[in-house]
Amino acid sequence: MTSKISKKIVAVDIDMVVCDNLVRLMRNLTPERRVDHPNFYRESEMDTDVVIEGAVEALKKIRMEYKIVFLTARPNNRSDYTHIWLTKNNLMKDGDDLVVVDKQENKIPVLLEMGENIYTFIDDFKFNYQNSPQYNEPVLESLKKNKIPYVIFEGDWKSIIASHFSM
């Protein structure tokens, strides 16, 4: 991925950035309020997710000038169905890529491998939505330390486009 490419890369997280899975999350909690991963990642459960408002339009605009790489932390055995969900919901298009890692911090090596080809990484950088959402400070610190450009997604694709993309 470090070779020169014609378009710079915009890496985009999936969960709570293009995919609202909060209802699925709340439905699949154990009594201790932990995520029941086997149920949470069933296809029938993933099918209940909805697209974040404005995501399809924003990605269409971004795609005009940049290559999109969806970069998410999910079980690797769910990557095929994640691809299907993205495609079925008009988010994944020809030329886009999907990279699945097992945990948030493992996104950093993938972003580093993109090298100078990366324009930015869009992520909500949050975890623990079921109890009290918190920013993943170690990941944010690692991005800063490695000078990886990023944008914190806070639910508004229009403001992301307006403030970070000249289109």
Foldseek 3Di string as FASTA:
>chain_A
DQDDDPAFEEEEEPDPGFKDLPVLLLVQADPVRDGPQVSSLDLVSSVVIDTQPPQLVLLVVVVVGHAYEYEYAHPPVSQVVVVVVCVVRNNDDPRYHYDYHNDDLVVLVVLVSNPPSHPEYEEQQWDPPRPDIDHVVVSVVSCVVSVGHYDNDDRDSVVCCVPRPDD
